[in-house]
Amino acid sequence: MAQDVLCEVNNCVYWGEGNQCEAERIYVVSHAGKEAEKQEETDCKTFEPQH
C-alpha cells in the first residue's frame, strides 16, 4: 500500500501540510461504474470539505 499519498485539495479535512493526505483510507471510484481509461474519469470519494 502507498505510504505517501499526495493531495492538492487543501479544503479537504484530510489535507495536511506538504500536500499529504492524512486519511486512514482512500476510496477512488470510476464515473457511473464504468471502467476508467483516464484519470479524469475517476473521483476521490474520501474527500470531505472543511467547515
C-alpha atoms as a PDB file:
ATOM      1  CA  MET A   1       0.000   0.000   0.000  1.00  0.00           C
ATOM      2  CA  ALA A   2       1.192   3.504  -0.734  1.00  0.00           C
ATOM      3  CA  GLN A   3       2.811   5.187   2.261  1.00  0.00           C
ATOM      4  CA  ASP A   4       2.734   8.736   0.906  1.00  0.00           C
ATOM      5  CA  VAL A   5      -0.496   9.890  -0.688  1.00  0.00           C
ATOM      6  CA  LEU A   6      -0.335  13.406  -2.080  1.00  0.00           C
ATOM      7  CA  CYS A   7      -3.373  15.648  -2.447  1.00  0.00           C
ATOM      8  CA  GLU A   8      -3.622  19.283  -3.535  1.00  0.00           C
ATOM      9  CA  VAL A   9      -7.250  19.767  -2.422  1.00  0.00           C
ATOM     10  CA  ASN A  10      -6.464  21.980   0.556  1.00  0.00           C
ATOM     11  CA  ASN A  11     -10.114  22.489   1.522  1.00  0.00           C
ATOM     12  CA  CYS A  12     -10.457  18.773   2.419  1.00  0.00           C
ATOM     13  CA  VAL A  13     -10.453  17.803   6.112  1.00  0.00           C
ATOM     14  CA  TYR A  14      -7.756  15.185   5.362  1.00  0.00           C
ATOM     15  CA  TRP A  15      -5.363  17.610   3.671  1.00  0.00           C
ATOM     16  CA  GLY A  16      -2.085  18.065   5.561  1.00  0.00           C
ATOM     17  CA  GLU A  17       0.983  20.256   5.260  1.00  0.00           C
ATOM     18  CA  GLY A  18       3.115  19.452   2.249  1.00  0.00           C
ATOM     19  CA  ASN A  19       0.032  18.199   0.348  1.00  0.00           C
ATOM     20  CA  GLN A  20      -0.020  14.993   2.413  1.00  0.00           C
ATOM     21  CA  CYS A  21      -3.340  13.142   2.656  1.00  0.00           C
ATOM     22  CA  GLU A  22      -3.969  12.239   6.294  1.00  0.00           C
ATOM     23  CA  ALA A  23      -6.957   9.920   5.728  1.00  0.00           C
ATOM     24  CA  GLU A  24      -6.676   6.339   7.015  1.00  0.00           C
ATOM     25  CA  ARG A  25      -8.084   5.029   3.731  1.00  0.00           C
ATOM     26  CA  ILE A  26      -8.534   6.392   0.231  1.00  0.00           C
ATOM     27  CA  TYR A  27     -11.615   5.458  -1.802  1.00  0.00           C
ATOM     28  CA  VAL A  28     -11.470   6.191  -5.543  1.00  0.00           C
ATOM     29  CA  VAL A  29     -14.250   5.265  -7.975  1.00  0.00           C
ATOM     30  CA  SER A  30     -14.807   5.474 -11.703  1.00  0.00           C
ATOM     31  CA  HIS A  31     -17.662   7.597 -13.057  1.00  0.00           C
ATOM     32  CA  ALA A  32     -21.024   5.833 -13.388  1.00  0.00           C
ATOM     33  CA  GLY A  33     -19.477   2.451 -12.566  1.00  0.00           C
ATOM     34  CA  LYS A  34     -17.700   2.135 -15.896  1.00  0.00           C
ATOM     35  CA  GLU A  35     -14.081   1.153 -16.322  1.00  0.00           C
ATOM     36  CA  ALA A  36     -11.866   4.253 -16.270  1.00  0.00           C
ATOM     37  CA  GLU A  37      -9.394   4.856 -19.062  1.00  0.00           C
ATOM     38  CA  LYS A  38      -8.173   8.324 -17.939  1.00  0.00           C
ATOM     39  CA  GLN A  39      -7.721   9.949 -14.541  1.00  0.00           C
ATOM     40  CA  GLU A  40     -10.454  12.465 -15.430  1.00  0.00           C
ATOM     41  CA  GLU A  41     -12.910   9.563 -15.291  1.00  0.00           C
ATOM     42  CA  THR A  42     -12.256   8.947 -11.580  1.00  0.00           C
ATOM     43  CA  ASP A  43     -13.367  10.614  -8.350  1.00  0.00           C
ATOM     44  CA  CYS A  44     -11.995  10.568  -4.812  1.00  0.00           C
ATOM     45  CA  LYS A  45     -14.881   9.604  -2.513  1.00  0.00           C
ATOM     46  CA  THR A  46     -12.684  10.192   0.559  1.00  0.00           C
ATOM     47  CA  PHE A  47     -12.984  13.973   0.115  1.00  0.00           C
ATOM     48  CA  GLU A  48     -14.809  15.811   2.909  1.00  0.00           C
ATOM     49  CA  PRO A  49     -14.918  19.624   2.847  1.00  0.00           C
ATOM     50  CA  GLN A  50     -13.619  21.646   5.771  1.00  0.00           C
ATOM     51  CA  HIS A  51     -16.300  23.596   7.609  1.00  0.00           C
END
